[in-house]
All heavy atoms as atom14 arrays in JSON, in Angstrom:
{
  "sequence": "GLGRLFEDASEQRAGRIGLFNTDPALRDVEVSSIADGRALGLAPYNAY",
  "atom14_mask": [
    [1, 1, 1, 1, 0, 0, 0, 0, 0, 0, 0, 0, 0, 0],
    [1, 1, 1, 1, 1, 1, 1, 1, 0, 0, 0, 0, 0, 0],
    [1, 1, 1, 1, 0, 0, 0, 0, 0, 0, 0, 0, 0, 0],
    [1, 1, 1, 1, 1, 1, 1, 1, 1, 1, 1, 0, 0, 0],
    [1, 1, 1, 1, 1, 1, 1, 1, 0, 0, 0, 0, 0, 0],
    [1, 1, 1, 1, 1, 1, 1, 1, 1, 1, 1, 0, 0, 0],
    [1, 1, 1, 1, 1, 1, 1, 1, 1, 0, 0, 0, 0, 0],
    [1, 1, 1, 1, 1, 1, 1, 1, 0, 0, 0, 0, 0, 0],
    [1, 1, 1, 1, 1, 0, 0, 0, 0, 0, 0, 0, 0, 0],
    [1, 1, 1, 1, 1, 1, 0, 0, 0, 0, 0, 0, 0, 0],
    [1, 1, 1, 1, 1, 1, 1, 1, 1, 0, 0, 0, 0, 0],
    [1, 1, 1, 1, 1, 1, 1, 1, 1, 0, 0, 0, 0, 0],
    [1, 1, 1, 1, 1, 1, 1, 1, 1, 1, 1, 0, 0, 0],
    [1, 1, 1, 1, 1, 0, 0, 0, 0, 0, 0, 0, 0, 0],
    [1, 1, 1, 1, 0, 0, 0, 0, 0, 0, 0, 0, 0, 0],
    [1, 1, 1, 1, 1, 1, 1, 1, 1, 1, 1, 0, 0, 0],
    [1, 1, 1, 1, 1, 1, 1, 1, 0, 0, 0, 0, 0, 0],
    [1, 1, 1, 1, 0, 0, 0, 0, 0, 0, 0, 0, 0, 0],
    [1, 1, 1, 1, 1, 1, 1, 1, 0, 0, 0, 0, 0, 0],
    [1, 1, 1, 1, 1, 1, 1, 1, 1, 1, 1, 0, 0, 0],
    [1, 1, 1, 1, 1, 1, 1, 1, 0, 0, 0, 0, 0, 0],
    [1, 1, 1, 1, 1, 1, 1, 0, 0, 0, 0, 0, 0, 0],
    [1, 1, 1, 1, 1, 1, 1, 1, 0, 0, 0, 0, 0, 0],
    [1, 1, 1, 1, 1, 1, 1, 0, 0, 0, 0, 0, 0, 0],
    [1, 1, 1, 1, 1, 0, 0, 0, 0, 0, 0, 0, 0, 0],
    [1, 1, 1, 1, 1, 1, 1, 1, 0, 0, 0, 0, 0, 0],
    [1, 1, 1, 1, 1, 1, 1, 1, 1, 1, 1, 0, 0, 0],
    [1, 1, 1, 1, 1, 1, 1, 1, 0, 0, 0, 0, 0, 0],
    [1, 1, 1, 1, 1, 1, 1, 0, 0, 0, 0, 0, 0, 0],
    [1, 1, 1, 1, 1, 1, 1, 1, 1, 0, 0, 0, 0, 0],
    [1, 1, 1, 1, 1, 1, 1, 0, 0, 0, 0, 0, 0, 0],
    [1, 1, 1, 1, 1, 1, 0, 0, 0, 0, 0, 0, 0, 0],
    [1, 1, 1, 1, 1, 1, 0, 0, 0, 0, 0, 0, 0, 0],
    [1, 1, 1, 1, 1, 1, 1, 1, 0, 0, 0, 0, 0, 0],
    [1, 1, 1, 1, 1, 0, 0, 0, 0, 0, 0, 0, 0, 0],
    [1, 1, 1, 1, 1, 1, 1, 1, 0, 0, 0, 0, 0, 0],
    [1, 1, 1, 1, 0, 0, 0, 0, 0, 0, 0, 0, 0, 0],
    [1, 1, 1, 1, 1, 1, 1, 1, 1, 1, 1, 0, 0, 0],
    [1, 1, 1, 1, 1, 0, 0, 0, 0, 0, 0, 0, 0, 0],
    [1, 1, 1, 1, 1, 1, 1, 1, 0, 0, 0, 0, 0, 0],
    [1, 1, 1, 1, 0, 0, 0, 0, 0, 0, 0, 0, 0, 0],
    [1, 1, 1, 1, 1, 1, 1, 1, 0, 0, 0, 0, 0, 0],
    [1, 1, 1, 1, 1, 0, 0, 0, 0, 0, 0, 0, 0, 0],
    [1, 1, 1, 1, 1, 1, 1, 0, 0, 0, 0, 0, 0, 0],
    [1, 1, 1, 1, 1, 1, 1, 1, 1, 1, 1, 1, 0, 0],
    [1, 1, 1, 1, 1, 1, 1, 1, 0, 0, 0, 0, 0, 0],
    [1, 1, 1, 1, 1, 0, 0, 0, 0, 0, 0, 0, 0, 0],
    [1, 1, 1, 1, 1, 1, 1, 1, 1, 1, 1, 1, 0, 0]
  ],
  "atom14_positions": [
    [[0.8, -1.28, -0.01], [-0.05, -0.01, -0.02], [0.91, 1.32, 0.01], [1.99, 1.29, 0.36], [0.0, 0.0, 0.0], [0.0, 0.0, 0.0], [0.0, 0.0, 0.0], [0.0, 0.0, 0.0], [0.0, 0.0, 0.0], [0.0, 0.0, 0.0], [0.0, 0.0, 0.0], [0.0, 0.0, 0.0], [0.0, 0.0, 0.0], [0.0, 0.0, 0.0]],
    [[0.26, 2.34, -0.36], [0.99, 3.66, -0.48], [1.53, 4.05, 0.84], [2.61, 4.56, 0.89], [0.03, 4.74, -1.14], [0.26, 5.15, -2.45], [0.02, 3.98, -3.46], [-0.73, 6.26, -2.84], [0.0, 0.0, 0.0], [0.0, 0.0, 0.0], [0.0, 0.0, 0.0], [0.0, 0.0, 0.0], [0.0, 0.0, 0.0], [0.0, 0.0, 0.0]],
    [[0.79, 4.05, 1.92], [1.33, 4.49, 3.16], [2.61, 3.88, 3.62], [3.59, 4.5, 3.94], [0.0, 0.0, 0.0], [0.0, 0.0, 0.0], [0.0, 0.0, 0.0], [0.0, 0.0, 0.0], [0.0, 0.0, 0.0], [0.0, 0.0, 0.0], [0.0, 0.0, 0.0], [0.0, 0.0, 0.0], [0.0, 0.0, 0.0], [0.0, 0.0, 0.0]],
    [[2.65, 2.54, 3.56], [3.82, 1.79, 3.9], [4.99, 2.19, 2.98], [6.12, 2.29, 3.36], [3.51, 0.31, 3.9], [4.78, -0.58, 3.98], [5.28, -0.4, 5.44], [6.66, -1.06, 5.61], [6.7, -2.31, 6.07], [5.61, -3.05, 6.29], [7.92, -2.9, 6.16], [0.0, 0.0, 0.0], [0.0, 0.0, 0.0], [0.0, 0.0, 0.0]],
    [[4.68, 2.25, 1.7], [5.83, 2.45, 0.68], [6.38, 3.87, 0.85], [7.58, 4.06, 0.66], [5.44, 2.15, -0.72], [5.08, 0.67, -1.03], [4.63, 0.57, -2.49], [6.2, -0.17, -0.53], [0.0, 0.0, 0.0], [0.0, 0.0, 0.0], [0.0, 0.0, 0.0], [0.0, 0.0, 0.0], [0.0, 0.0, 0.0], [0.0, 0.0, 0.0]],
    [[5.56, 4.87, 1.05], [6.08, 6.24, 1.28], [6.88, 6.34, 2.57], [7.95, 6.99, 2.6], [4.91, 7.23, 1.39], [4.56, 7.8, -0.04], [3.73, 7.17, -0.89], [5.11, 9.14, -0.42], [3.44, 7.75, -2.1], [4.83, 9.62, -1.54], [3.94, 8.98, -2.51], [0.0, 0.0, 0.0], [0.0, 0.0, 0.0], [0.0, 0.0, 0.0]],
    [[6.47, 5.63, 3.66], [7.23, 5.62, 4.84], [8.61, 4.81, 4.69], [9.65, 5.25, 5.19], [6.42, 4.93, 5.89], [7.16, 4.98, 7.36], [6.16, 4.68, 8.51], [5.68, 3.53, 8.43], [5.93, 5.55, 9.31], [0.0, 0.0, 0.0], [0.0, 0.0, 0.0], [0.0, 0.0, 0.0], [0.0, 0.0, 0.0], [0.0, 0.0, 0.0]],
    [[8.58, 3.7, 3.97], [9.8, 3.03, 3.6], [10.79, 3.89, 2.91], [11.96, 4.0, 3.3], [9.54, 1.87, 2.67], [8.85, 0.63, 3.39], [8.83, 0.6, 4.57], [8.37, -0.23, 2.73], [0.0, 0.0, 0.0], [0.0, 0.0, 0.0], [0.0, 0.0, 0.0], [0.0, 0.0, 0.0], [0.0, 0.0, 0.0], [0.0, 0.0, 0.0]],
    [[10.28, 4.65, 2.01], [11.15, 5.55, 1.21], [11.66, 6.75, 2.13], [12.74, 7.17, 1.89], [10.47, 6.14, -0.04], [0.0, 0.0, 0.0], [0.0, 0.0, 0.0], [0.0, 0.0, 0.0], [0.0, 0.0, 0.0], [0.0, 0.0, 0.0], [0.0, 0.0, 0.0], [0.0, 0.0, 0.0], [0.0, 0.0, 0.0], [0.0, 0.0, 0.0]],
    [[10.85, 7.11, 3.09], [11.33, 8.21, 4.07], [12.31, 7.7, 5.12], [13.0, 8.49, 5.73], [10.07, 8.76, 4.72], [9.11, 9.22, 3.74], [0.0, 0.0, 0.0], [0.0, 0.0, 0.0], [0.0, 0.0, 0.0], [0.0, 0.0, 0.0], [0.0, 0.0, 0.0], [0.0, 0.0, 0.0], [0.0, 0.0, 0.0], [0.0, 0.0, 0.0]],
    [[12.34, 6.38, 5.39], [13.19, 5.8, 6.41], [14.54, 5.48, 5.88], [15.43, 5.3, 6.52], [12.58, 4.68, 6.94], [11.26, 4.95, 7.8], [11.55, 5.51, 9.26], [12.78, 5.84, 9.49], [10.63, 5.65, 10.03], [0.0, 0.0, 0.0], [0.0, 0.0, 0.0], [0.0, 0.0, 0.0], [0.0, 0.0, 0.0], [0.0, 0.0, 0.0]],
    [[14.63, 5.33, 4.5], [15.84, 4.88, 3.85], [16.73, 6.06, 3.34], [16.19, 7.01, 2.71], [15.55, 3.98, 2.62], [16.81, 3.41, 2.01], [16.54, 2.36, 0.96], [15.37, 2.19, 0.45], [17.48, 1.67, 0.49], [0.0, 0.0, 0.0], [0.0, 0.0, 0.0], [0.0, 0.0, 0.0], [0.0, 0.0, 0.0], [0.0, 0.0, 0.0]],
    [[17.98, 6.07, 3.68], [18.79, 7.26, 3.29], [19.11, 7.13, 1.77], [19.38, 6.04, 1.21], [20.12, 7.25, 4.05], [19.85, 7.59, 5.54], [21.14, 7.53, 6.31], [21.95, 8.79, 6.04], [23.04, 9.06, 6.64], [23.56, 8.23, 7.63], [23.72, 10.19, 6.38], [0.0, 0.0, 0.0], [0.0, 0.0, 0.0], [0.0, 0.0, 0.0]],
    [[19.16, 8.31, 1.13], [19.62, 8.37, -0.21], [21.16, 8.49, -0.25], [21.82, 8.67, 0.76], [19.01, 9.57, -0.89], [0.0, 0.0, 0.0], [0.0, 0.0, 0.0], [0.0, 0.0, 0.0], [0.0, 0.0, 0.0], [0.0, 0.0, 0.0], [0.0, 0.0, 0.0], [0.0, 0.0, 0.0], [0.0, 0.0, 0.0], [0.0, 0.0, 0.0]],
    [[21.77, 8.36, -1.51], [23.2, 8.47, -1.62], [23.59, 9.91, -1.71], [22.81, 10.88, -1.91], [0.0, 0.0, 0.0], [0.0, 0.0, 0.0], [0.0, 0.0, 0.0], [0.0, 0.0, 0.0], [0.0, 0.0, 0.0], [0.0, 0.0, 0.0], [0.0, 0.0, 0.0], [0.0, 0.0, 0.0], [0.0, 0.0, 0.0], [0.0, 0.0, 0.0]],
    [[24.86, 10.13, -1.36], [25.5, 11.54, -1.47], [25.53, 11.95, -3.09], [25.97, 11.08, -3.82], [26.87, 11.59, -0.83], [27.66, 12.85, -1.14], [29.06, 12.67, -0.66], [29.84, 11.54, -1.33], [30.31, 11.51, -2.57], [30.24, 12.51, -3.3], [30.91, 10.28, -2.89], [0.0, 0.0, 0.0], [0.0, 0.0, 0.0], [0.0, 0.0, 0.0]],
    [[25.16, 13.07, -3.43], [25.24, 13.55, -4.75], [26.67, 13.93, -4.97], [27.26, 14.87, -4.42], [24.27, 14.69, -5.01], [22.83, 14.24, -4.88], [24.66, 15.37, -6.46], [21.8, 15.35, -5.06], [0.0, 0.0, 0.0], [0.0, 0.0, 0.0], [0.0, 0.0, 0.0], [0.0, 0.0, 0.0], [0.0, 0.0, 0.0], [0.0, 0.0, 0.0]],
    [[27.35, 13.2, -5.9], [28.76, 13.51, -6.22], [29.45, 12.4, -6.91], [28.88, 11.35, -7.22], [0.0, 0.0, 0.0], [0.0, 0.0, 0.0], [0.0, 0.0, 0.0], [0.0, 0.0, 0.0], [0.0, 0.0, 0.0], [0.0, 0.0, 0.0], [0.0, 0.0, 0.0], [0.0, 0.0, 0.0], [0.0, 0.0, 0.0], [0.0, 0.0, 0.0]],
    [[30.78, 12.48, -7.14], [31.54, 11.44, -7.87], [31.75, 10.31, -6.99], [31.53, 10.28, -5.83], [32.86, 12.06, -8.3], [32.92, 13.22, -9.24], [34.37, 13.57, -9.69], [31.97, 12.98, -10.51], [0.0, 0.0, 0.0], [0.0, 0.0, 0.0], [0.0, 0.0, 0.0], [0.0, 0.0, 0.0], [0.0, 0.0, 0.0], [0.0, 0.0, 0.0]],
    [[32.04, 9.2, -7.61], [32.29, 7.9, -7.01], [31.16, 7.34, -6.24], [31.35, 6.62, -5.25], [33.58, 7.96, -6.21], [34.86, 8.4, -6.91], [35.44, 9.67, -6.56], [35.28, 7.71, -8.0], [36.57, 10.13, -7.36], [36.47, 8.18, -8.65], [37.01, 9.28, -8.24], [0.0, 0.0, 0.0], [0.0, 0.0, 0.0], [0.0, 0.0, 0.0]],
    [[29.93, 7.54, -6.61], [28.81, 7.26, -5.8], [27.52, 6.77, -6.63], [26.48, 6.73, -6.01], [28.46, 8.32, -4.72], [27.75, 7.75, -3.52], [28.14, 6.63, -3.11], [26.85, 8.47, -2.91], [0.0, 0.0, 0.0], [0.0, 0.0, 0.0], [0.0, 0.0, 0.0], [0.0, 0.0, 0.0], [0.0, 0.0, 0.0], [0.0, 0.0, 0.0]],
    [[27.64, 6.53, -7.81], [26.62, 6.21, -8.76], [26.64, 4.54, -8.78], [27.73, 3.99, -9.06], [26.72, 6.68, -10.16], [26.55, 8.05, -10.06], [25.61, 6.09, -10.98], [0.0, 0.0, 0.0], [0.0, 0.0, 0.0], [0.0, 0.0, 0.0], [0.0, 0.0, 0.0], [0.0, 0.0, 0.0], [0.0, 0.0, 0.0], [0.0, 0.0, 0.0]],
    [[25.6, 3.89, -8.48], [25.52, 2.48, -8.59], [25.93, 2.0, -10.03], [25.45, 2.57, -10.97], [24.03, 1.99, -8.35], [23.97, 0.46, -8.1], [24.27, 0.0, -6.98], [23.68, -0.26, -9.09], [0.0, 0.0, 0.0], [0.0, 0.0, 0.0], [0.0, 0.0, 0.0], [0.0, 0.0, 0.0], [0.0, 0.0, 0.0], [0.0, 0.0, 0.0]],
    [[26.77, 0.86, -10.11], [27.22, 0.46, -11.41], [25.96, 0.21, -12.45], [26.24, 0.33, -13.54], [27.98, -0.89, -11.04], [28.4, -0.65, -9.67], [27.38, 0.23, -8.94], [0.0, 0.0, 0.0], [0.0, 0.0, 0.0], [0.0, 0.0, 0.0], [0.0, 0.0, 0.0], [0.0, 0.0, 0.0], [0.0, 0.0, 0.0], [0.0, 0.0, 0.0]],
    [[24.84, -0.16, -11.81], [23.75, -0.46, -12.76], [23.26, 0.79, -13.5], [22.61, 0.7, -14.52], [22.49, -0.93, -11.95], [0.0, 0.0, 0.0], [0.0, 0.0, 0.0], [0.0, 0.0, 0.0], [0.0, 0.0, 0.0], [0.0, 0.0, 0.0], [0.0, 0.0, 0.0], [0.0, 0.0, 0.0], [0.0, 0.0, 0.0], [0.0, 0.0, 0.0]],
    [[23.67, 1.99, -13.02], [23.33, 3.23, -13.7], [24.41, 3.87, -14.4], [24.39, 5.07, -14.82], [22.75, 4.25, -12.63], [21.44, 3.74, -11.93], [21.11, 4.69, -10.82], [20.36, 3.65, -12.8], [0.0, 0.0, 0.0], [0.0, 0.0, 0.0], [0.0, 0.0, 0.0], [0.0, 0.0, 0.0], [0.0, 0.0, 0.0], [0.0, 0.0, 0.0]],
    [[25.57, 3.13, -14.65], [26.72, 3.69, -15.22], [26.38, 4.25, -16.6], [26.89, 5.32, -17.15], [27.89, 2.72, -15.33], [29.09, 3.33, -15.89], [30.23, 2.17, -16.0], [31.59, 2.79, -16.48], [31.73, 3.06, -17.71], [30.89, 2.74, -18.66], [32.93, 3.65, -18.13], [0.0, 0.0, 0.0], [0.0, 0.0, 0.0], [0.0, 0.0, 0.0]],
    [[25.62, 3.48, -17.46], [25.24, 3.87, -18.8], [24.63, 5.25, -18.86], [24.76, 5.96, -19.84], [24.37, 2.82, -19.4], [25.03, 1.55, -19.82], [26.3, 1.61, -19.72], [24.35, 0.54, -20.11], [0.0, 0.0, 0.0], [0.0, 0.0, 0.0], [0.0, 0.0, 0.0], [0.0, 0.0, 0.0], [0.0, 0.0, 0.0], [0.0, 0.0, 0.0]],
    [[23.76, 5.55, -17.84], [23.16, 6.9, -18.0], [24.25, 7.98, -17.63], [24.11, 9.16, -18.21], [21.97, 7.0, -17.01], [20.85, 6.16, -17.45], [22.34, 6.81, -15.57], [0.0, 0.0, 0.0], [0.0, 0.0, 0.0], [0.0, 0.0, 0.0], [0.0, 0.0, 0.0], [0.0, 0.0, 0.0], [0.0, 0.0, 0.0], [0.0, 0.0, 0.0]],
    [[25.29, 7.81, -16.89], [26.35, 8.73, -16.78], [27.17, 8.83, -18.09], [27.47, 10.0, -18.48], [27.36, 8.3, -15.53], [26.69, 8.16, -14.22], [26.13, 9.32, -13.6], [25.96, 10.36, -14.19], [26.05, 9.28, -12.43], [0.0, 0.0, 0.0], [0.0, 0.0, 0.0], [0.0, 0.0, 0.0], [0.0, 0.0, 0.0], [0.0, 0.0, 0.0]],
    [[27.33, 7.74, -18.69], [28.04, 7.74, -20.03], [27.18, 8.68, -20.95], [27.74, 9.56, -21.7], [28.19, 6.46, -20.58], [28.67, 6.48, -22.06], [29.18, 5.6, -19.85], [0.0, 0.0, 0.0], [0.0, 0.0, 0.0], [0.0, 0.0, 0.0], [0.0, 0.0, 0.0], [0.0, 0.0, 0.0], [0.0, 0.0, 0.0], [0.0, 0.0, 0.0]],
    [[25.88, 8.38, -21.0], [25.0, 9.18, -21.91], [24.97, 10.71, -21.58], [25.07, 11.52, -22.48], [23.58, 8.68, -21.76], [22.71, 9.37, -22.6], [0.0, 0.0, 0.0], [0.0, 0.0, 0.0], [0.0, 0.0, 0.0], [0.0, 0.0, 0.0], [0.0, 0.0, 0.0], [0.0, 0.0, 0.0], [0.0, 0.0, 0.0], [0.0, 0.0, 0.0]],
    [[25.07, 10.98, -20.26], [25.07, 12.42, -19.86], [26.31, 13.16, -20.36], [26.25, 14.28, -20.88], [24.96, 12.46, -18.38], [23.68, 11.96, -17.92], [0.0, 0.0, 0.0], [0.0, 0.0, 0.0], [0.0, 0.0, 0.0], [0.0, 0.0, 0.0], [0.0, 0.0, 0.0], [0.0, 0.0, 0.0], [0.0, 0.0, 0.0], [0.0, 0.0, 0.0]],
    [[27.46, 12.53, -20.22], [28.74, 13.17, -20.64], [28.81, 13.29, -22.13], [29.1, 14.2, -22.68], [29.94, 12.35, -20.09], [29.98, 12.3, -18.49], [31.28, 12.86, -20.7], [30.83, 11.31, -17.97], [0.0, 0.0, 0.0], [0.0, 0.0, 0.0], [0.0, 0.0, 0.0], [0.0, 0.0, 0.0], [0.0, 0.0, 0.0], [0.0, 0.0, 0.0]],
    [[28.34, 12.22, -22.85], [28.26, 12.16, -24.26], [27.34, 13.32, -24.85], [27.64, 14.0, -25.89], [27.87, 10.79, -24.81], [0.0, 0.0, 0.0], [0.0, 0.0, 0.0], [0.0, 0.0, 0.0], [0.0, 0.0, 0.0], [0.0, 0.0, 0.0], [0.0, 0.0, 0.0], [0.0, 0.0, 0.0], [0.0, 0.0, 0.0], [0.0, 0.0, 0.0]],
    [[26.2, 13.44, -24.19], [25.34, 14.45, -24.62], [25.83, 15.88, -24.59], [25.72, 16.65, -25.38], [23.97, 14.39, -23.72], [23.1, 13.31, -24.09], [23.34, 12.65, -25.13], [22.1, 13.09, -23.46], [0.0, 0.0, 0.0], [0.0, 0.0, 0.0], [0.0, 0.0, 0.0], [0.0, 0.0, 0.0], [0.0, 0.0, 0.0], [0.0, 0.0, 0.0]],
    [[26.48, 16.13, -23.36], [27.22, 17.45, -23.2], [28.23, 17.69, -24.29], [28.33, 18.85, -24.78], [0.0, 0.0, 0.0], [0.0, 0.0, 0.0], [0.0, 0.0, 0.0], [0.0, 0.0, 0.0], [0.0, 0.0, 0.0], [0.0, 0.0, 0.0], [0.0, 0.0, 0.0], [0.0, 0.0, 0.0], [0.0, 0.0, 0.0], [0.0, 0.0, 0.0]],
    [[29.03, 16.72, -24.59], [30.01, 16.85, -25.64], [29.31, 17.01, -27.16], [29.77, 17.82, -27.84], [31.03, 15.72, -25.67], [31.78, 15.83, -24.43], [32.95, 14.75, -24.41], [33.61, 14.73, -23.15], [34.81, 14.0, -22.91], [35.21, 13.16, -23.86], [35.31, 14.02, -21.78], [0.0, 0.0, 0.0], [0.0, 0.0, 0.0], [0.0, 0.0, 0.0]],
    [[28.25, 16.29, -27.37], [27.67, 16.28, -28.66], [27.07, 17.7, -28.81], [26.96, 18.23, -29.97], [26.57, 15.35, -28.72], [0.0, 0.0, 0.0], [0.0, 0.0, 0.0], [0.0, 0.0, 0.0], [0.0, 0.0, 0.0], [0.0, 0.0, 0.0], [0.0, 0.0, 0.0], [0.0, 0.0, 0.0], [0.0, 0.0, 0.0], [0.0, 0.0, 0.0]],
    [[26.56, 18.37, -27.71], [25.96, 19.62, -27.81], [27.02, 20.83, -27.77], [26.6, 21.98, -27.82], [25.01, 19.83, -26.72], [23.64, 18.87, -26.92], [22.87, 18.75, -25.55], [22.87, 19.4, -28.01], [0.0, 0.0, 0.0], [0.0, 0.0, 0.0], [0.0, 0.0, 0.0], [0.0, 0.0, 0.0], [0.0, 0.0, 0.0], [0.0, 0.0, 0.0]],
    [[28.23, 20.49, -27.55], [29.27, 21.43, -27.41], [29.13, 22.32, -26.19], [29.36, 23.54, -26.3], [0.0, 0.0, 0.0], [0.0, 0.0, 0.0], [0.0, 0.0, 0.0], [0.0, 0.0, 0.0], [0.0, 0.0, 0.0], [0.0, 0.0, 0.0], [0.0, 0.0, 0.0], [0.0, 0.0, 0.0], [0.0, 0.0, 0.0], [0.0, 0.0, 0.0]],
    [[28.66, 21.73, -25.14], [28.54, 22.6, -23.88], [29.95, 23.14, -23.43], [30.86, 22.47, -23.52], [28.0, 21.77, -22.71], [26.48, 21.35, -22.81], [26.02, 20.69, -21.6], [25.63, 22.47, -23.32], [0.0, 0.0, 0.0], [0.0, 0.0, 0.0], [0.0, 0.0, 0.0], [0.0, 0.0, 0.0], [0.0, 0.0, 0.0], [0.0, 0.0, 0.0]],
    [[29.82, 24.37, -23.09], [31.16, 25.07, -22.63], [31.54, 24.27, -21.28], [30.78, 23.64, -20.66], [30.79, 26.49, -22.26], [0.0, 0.0, 0.0], [0.0, 0.0, 0.0], [0.0, 0.0, 0.0], [0.0, 0.0, 0.0], [0.0, 0.0, 0.0], [0.0, 0.0, 0.0], [0.0, 0.0, 0.0], [0.0, 0.0, 0.0], [0.0, 0.0, 0.0]],
    [[32.87, 24.39, -20.97], [33.41, 23.65, -19.86], [32.91, 24.28, -18.54], [32.33, 25.38, -18.56], [34.94, 23.81, -20.02], [35.18, 24.89, -20.93], [33.95, 25.08, -21.82], [0.0, 0.0, 0.0], [0.0, 0.0, 0.0], [0.0, 0.0, 0.0], [0.0, 0.0, 0.0], [0.0, 0.0, 0.0], [0.0, 0.0, 0.0], [0.0, 0.0, 0.0]],
    [[33.21, 23.56, -17.54], [32.81, 23.87, -16.14], [33.21, 25.27, -15.84], [32.39, 26.07, -15.27], [33.52, 22.93, -15.26], [33.61, 23.19, -13.77], [32.62, 23.1, -12.94], [34.85, 23.61, -13.32], [32.68, 23.36, -11.5], [35.08, 23.92, -11.94], [33.92, 23.71, -11.1], [34.12, 24.03, -9.7], [0.0, 0.0, 0.0], [0.0, 0.0, 0.0]],
    [[34.4, 25.78, -16.08], [34.78, 27.01, -15.63], [34.03, 28.18, -16.31], [33.75, 29.26, -15.73], [36.29, 27.32, -16.01], [37.21, 27.36, -14.69], [36.71, 27.74, -13.67], [38.43, 27.19, -14.75], [0.0, 0.0, 0.0], [0.0, 0.0, 0.0], [0.0, 0.0, 0.0], [0.0, 0.0, 0.0], [0.0, 0.0, 0.0], [0.0, 0.0, 0.0]],
    [[33.62, 28.02, -17.61], [32.87, 28.94, -18.19], [31.5, 29.13, -17.53], [30.96, 30.32, -17.48], [32.61, 28.47, -19.72], [0.0, 0.0, 0.0], [0.0, 0.0, 0.0], [0.0, 0.0, 0.0], [0.0, 0.0, 0.0], [0.0, 0.0, 0.0], [0.0, 0.0, 0.0], [0.0, 0.0, 0.0], [0.0, 0.0, 0.0], [0.0, 0.0, 0.0]],
    [[30.95, 27.99, -17.01], [29.63, 28.18, -16.38], [29.84, 28.79, -14.96], [28.84, 29.5, -14.51], [29.02, 26.76, -16.32], [28.22, 26.37, -17.66], [28.93, 25.71, -18.6], [26.98, 26.95, -17.91], [28.38, 25.37, -19.75], [26.42, 26.65, -19.11], [27.01, 25.94, -20.01], [26.52, 25.58, -21.28], [0.0, 0.0, 0.0], [0.0, 0.0, 0.0]]
  ]
}
């Protein structure tokens, strides 16, 4: 049920947002994100 699942999600800690902390199962989406930035010619970090 919804109540139990919302509470489960509220009791479980999320991961720290940053490098070296993405589950290997999601590596492909990190690859895609970097590739998209390069395909679009996004300016580098310092420019932003």
